[in-house]
């Protein structure tokens, strides 16, 4: 475990992926509202509770509307011009846009069960072992939200459908897993929308 003095010097950034076309849902999932708040705004708001040194939202489809949805928050939006080529393009775009940080917290905006407590646990686990990654465990595997050391990203160039899980698998024996089965529920199709969300 690192000393508290070292822990206070650690800086993490955040990449929120909000560039997808959401074709199976039929509309941009990042703009779906639950209790009057878009999923994108909720995700960014929760991410900010971790006090990141920098936060980037990667947009493409519905870029202007997505940027507008978080205009009241201290974030930067960057556009992934080739987002349709796969999640890896969006993720790499976000990594490239971040300021100098020690690690990157990667988030998607379609996990309605995400809460600040889980993000705080991920961050605490990373601070204890900053050379290692920390991922969320659910549905028999691990994935996002996840914190990836910046040093790992210097050896990986993402493309196509390679996402954060592809980065984590390159050094799976150095990934700490924080279980949270609720995160397995994501929004992919209209039937996945939680109660209270408008159906169109």
Protein backbone atom coordinates (compact mmCIF):
# COMPACT_ATOMS: atom_id res chain seq x y z
CA UNK A 1 0.00 0.00 0.00
CA UNK A 2 1.36 3.44 -0.86
CA UNK A 3 1.75 6.12 1.78
CA UNK A 4 -0.89 8.84 2.18
CA UNK A 5 1.61 11.48 1.09
CA UNK A 6 2.08 9.65 -2.19
CA UNK A 7 -1.66 9.15 -2.60
CA UNK A 8 -2.37 12.88 -2.51
CA UNK A 9 -0.04 13.43 -5.47
CA UNK A 10 -1.88 11.00 -7.74
CA UNK A 11 -3.90 12.54 -10.56
CA UNK A 12 -6.58 10.76 -12.55
CA UNK A 13 -8.53 11.84 -15.57
CA UNK A 14 -11.92 10.69 -16.84
CA UNK A 15 -13.09 9.68 -20.30
CA UNK A 16 -16.86 9.40 -20.73
CA UNK A 17 -17.86 7.64 -23.96
CA UNK A 18 -20.95 9.20 -25.54
CA UNK A 19 -20.29 8.88 -29.26
CA UNK A 20 -22.35 5.86 -30.26
CA UNK A 21 -25.30 5.92 -32.64
CA UNK A 22 -27.48 3.72 -30.38
CA UNK A 23 -29.05 2.08 -33.42
CA UNK A 24 -30.75 -0.72 -31.48
CA UNK A 25 -32.31 1.77 -29.10
CA UNK A 26 -33.44 3.98 -31.97
CA UNK A 27 -32.22 7.24 -30.42
CA UNK A 28 -29.08 8.53 -28.68
CA UNK A 29 -28.98 6.68 -25.36
CA UNK A 30 -26.83 9.41 -23.82
CA UNK A 31 -29.82 11.77 -24.09
CA UNK A 32 -32.36 9.41 -22.51
CA UNK A 33 -33.83 11.11 -19.44
CA UNK A 34 -34.50 9.42 -16.12
CA UNK A 35 -36.13 11.56 -13.45
CA UNK A 36 -35.49 14.65 -15.55
CA UNK A 37 -31.75 14.06 -16.01
CA UNK A 38 -30.06 12.68 -19.10
CA UNK A 39 -27.93 9.57 -18.70
CA UNK A 40 -24.94 11.54 -19.95
CA UNK A 41 -25.39 14.33 -17.41
CA UNK A 42 -25.84 11.78 -14.63
CA UNK A 43 -22.68 9.91 -15.59
CA UNK A 44 -20.59 13.06 -15.80
CA UNK A 45 -22.00 14.36 -12.51
CA UNK A 46 -21.05 11.11 -10.79
CA UNK A 47 -17.60 11.13 -12.39
CA UNK A 48 -16.96 14.62 -11.04
CA UNK A 49 -17.42 13.33 -7.48
CA UNK A 50 -14.05 11.58 -7.91
CA UNK A 51 -12.40 15.01 -8.33
CA UNK A 52 -10.53 14.28 -11.55
CA UNK A 53 -7.72 16.47 -12.83
CA UNK A 54 -9.41 16.47 -16.24
CA UNK A 55 -12.64 15.11 -17.71
CA UNK A 56 -13.34 14.55 -21.39
CA UNK A 57 -16.66 13.55 -22.97
CA UNK A 58 -16.23 11.91 -26.37
CA UNK A 59 -19.14 12.77 -28.67
CA UNK A 60 -20.10 12.12 -32.29
CA UNK A 61 -23.77 11.32 -33.02
CA UNK A 62 -25.97 14.08 -31.56
CA UNK A 63 -22.76 15.92 -30.70
CA UNK A 64 -24.35 19.33 -30.19
CA UNK A 65 -27.18 17.97 -28.06
CA UNK A 66 -24.75 15.90 -26.00
CA UNK A 67 -22.51 18.89 -25.39
CA UNK A 68 -25.56 20.92 -24.42
CA UNK A 69 -26.64 18.26 -21.94
CA UNK A 70 -23.47 18.79 -19.88
CA UNK A 71 -22.92 22.51 -20.52
CA UNK A 72 -23.49 23.29 -16.84
CA UNK A 73 -20.68 20.98 -15.74
CA UNK A 74 -16.91 21.50 -15.79
CA UNK A 75 -16.04 19.19 -18.67
CA UNK A 76 -14.62 19.28 -22.16
CA UNK A 77 -16.28 17.63 -25.15
CA UNK A 78 -14.19 16.26 -28.00
CA UNK A 79 -15.60 14.85 -31.21
CA UNK A 80 -14.54 11.46 -32.53
CA UNK A 81 -14.87 11.98 -36.26
CA UNK A 82 -14.64 8.26 -37.06
CA UNK A 83 -16.72 6.96 -34.15
CA UNK A 84 -18.70 4.63 -36.42
CA UNK A 85 -15.52 2.62 -36.95
CA UNK A 86 -15.84 1.27 -33.41
CA UNK A 87 -15.54 2.06 -29.72
CA UNK A 88 -11.76 1.84 -29.89
CA UNK A 89 -11.64 5.00 -31.98
CA UNK A 90 -13.70 6.94 -29.45
CA UNK A 91 -11.68 5.63 -26.53
CA UNK A 92 -8.37 6.51 -28.16
CA UNK A 93 -9.72 9.96 -28.97
CA UNK A 94 -10.53 10.48 -25.31
CA UNK A 95 -7.15 9.20 -24.14
CA UNK A 96 -5.34 11.51 -26.56
CA UNK A 97 -7.34 14.56 -25.40
CA UNK A 98 -6.66 14.13 -21.68
CA UNK A 99 -4.19 16.26 -19.78
CA UNK A 100 -1.19 14.65 -18.10
CA UNK A 101 -2.61 12.24 -15.52
CA UNK A 102 -1.48 9.06 -13.78
CA UNK A 103 -4.53 7.01 -14.74
CA UNK A 104 -7.80 7.21 -16.66
CA UNK A 105 -11.26 6.35 -15.36
CA UNK A 106 -13.31 5.09 -18.31
CA UNK A 107 -17.09 5.38 -18.18
CA UNK A 108 -20.01 4.70 -20.49
CA UNK A 109 -23.35 6.43 -20.02
CA UNK A 110 -25.75 3.48 -20.26
CA UNK A 111 -25.33 1.91 -16.81
CA UNK A 112 -28.24 3.34 -14.78
CA UNK A 113 -27.17 1.46 -11.63
CA UNK A 114 -23.87 3.30 -11.43
CA UNK A 115 -23.41 5.34 -8.26
CA UNK A 116 -20.77 7.54 -6.66
CA UNK A 117 -19.98 4.94 -4.00
CA UNK A 118 -18.78 2.43 -6.59
CA UNK A 119 -16.60 5.03 -8.28
CA UNK A 120 -15.10 5.99 -4.91
CA UNK A 121 -14.26 2.34 -4.24
CA UNK A 122 -12.56 1.99 -7.63
CA UNK A 123 -10.52 5.10 -6.98
CA UNK A 124 -9.49 4.00 -3.49
CA UNK A 125 -8.36 0.61 -4.77
CA UNK A 126 -6.32 2.26 -7.52
CA UNK A 127 -4.71 4.68 -5.05
CA UNK A 128 -3.56 1.71 -2.99
CA UNK A 129 -1.87 0.10 -6.01
CA UNK A 130 -1.47 2.77 -8.69
CA UNK A 131 0.62 0.56 -10.96
CA UNK A 132 -2.39 -1.74 -11.34
CA UNK A 133 -5.73 -1.27 -13.07
CA UNK A 134 -9.09 -1.55 -11.32
CA UNK A 135 -12.20 -2.79 -13.11
CA UNK A 136 -15.83 -3.46 -12.28
CA UNK A 137 -16.83 -7.11 -12.09
CA UNK A 138 -20.22 -8.34 -13.33
CA UNK A 139 -21.79 -11.02 -15.52
CA UNK A 140 -18.80 -13.30 -15.12
CA UNK A 141 -16.26 -10.84 -16.49
CA UNK A 142 -14.82 -7.40 -15.82
CA UNK A 143 -15.15 -4.09 -17.61
CA UNK A 144 -16.13 -0.47 -17.20
CA UNK A 145 -16.18 1.58 -15.14
CA UNK A 146 -12.46 0.92 -14.94
CA UNK A 147 -9.33 2.82 -14.02
CA UNK A 148 -6.34 2.21 -16.29
CA UNK A 149 -2.81 3.45 -15.48
CA UNK A 150 -1.70 5.99 -18.09
CA UNK A 151 1.54 4.05 -18.55
CA UNK A 152 -0.46 1.12 -19.93
CA UNK A 153 -1.98 3.31 -22.60
CA UNK A 154 1.38 4.28 -24.04
CA UNK A 155 1.85 0.71 -25.28
CA UNK A 156 -1.64 0.25 -26.76
CA UNK A 157 -3.18 1.87 -29.83
CA UNK A 158 -6.90 1.17 -30.03
CA UNK A 159 -8.98 0.73 -33.16
CA UNK A 160 -12.21 -0.88 -34.29
CA UNK A 161 -14.27 -2.51 -31.56
CA UNK A 162 -11.41 -2.67 -29.04
CA UNK A 163 -12.63 -1.01 -25.85
CA UNK A 164 -11.34 -0.66 -22.32
CA UNK A 165 -11.71 -4.41 -21.80
CA UNK A 166 -9.14 -5.00 -24.54
CA UNK A 167 -6.65 -2.83 -22.67
CA UNK A 168 -7.36 -4.61 -19.39
CA UNK A 169 -6.92 -8.04 -20.95
CA UNK A 170 -3.39 -7.19 -22.09
CA UNK A 171 -2.34 -7.36 -18.42
CA UNK A 172 -5.22 -9.22 -16.78
CA UNK A 173 -3.05 -10.45 -13.92
CA UNK A 174 -2.55 -6.82 -12.86
CA UNK A 175 -6.26 -5.92 -12.77
CA UNK A 176 -8.04 -5.56 -9.44
CA UNK A 177 -11.76 -6.34 -9.69
CA UNK A 178 -14.50 -4.68 -7.66
CA UNK A 179 -17.70 -6.71 -7.93
CA UNK A 180 -20.96 -4.91 -8.73
CA UNK A 181 -23.48 -7.16 -10.46
CA UNK A 182 -26.00 -4.32 -10.83
CA UNK A 183 -23.79 -2.80 -13.53
CA UNK A 184 -24.56 -5.72 -15.84
CA UNK A 185 -27.87 -3.99 -16.64
CA UNK A 186 -27.23 -1.54 -19.46
CA UNK A 187 -29.48 0.24 -21.93
CA UNK A 188 -29.23 -1.26 -25.39
CA UNK A 189 -32.82 -1.68 -26.58
CA UNK A 190 -36.15 0.01 -25.70
CA UNK A 191 -37.01 -2.89 -23.38
CA UNK A 192 -33.95 -2.04 -21.29
CA UNK A 193 -35.22 1.42 -20.37
CA UNK A 194 -35.88 1.68 -16.63
CA UNK A 195 -39.25 2.64 -15.21
CA UNK A 196 -39.85 6.35 -15.51
CA UNK A 197 -37.82 6.82 -18.70
CA UNK A 198 -39.73 8.14 -21.72
CA UNK A 199 -40.16 5.39 -24.32
CA UNK A 200 -39.53 7.64 -27.30
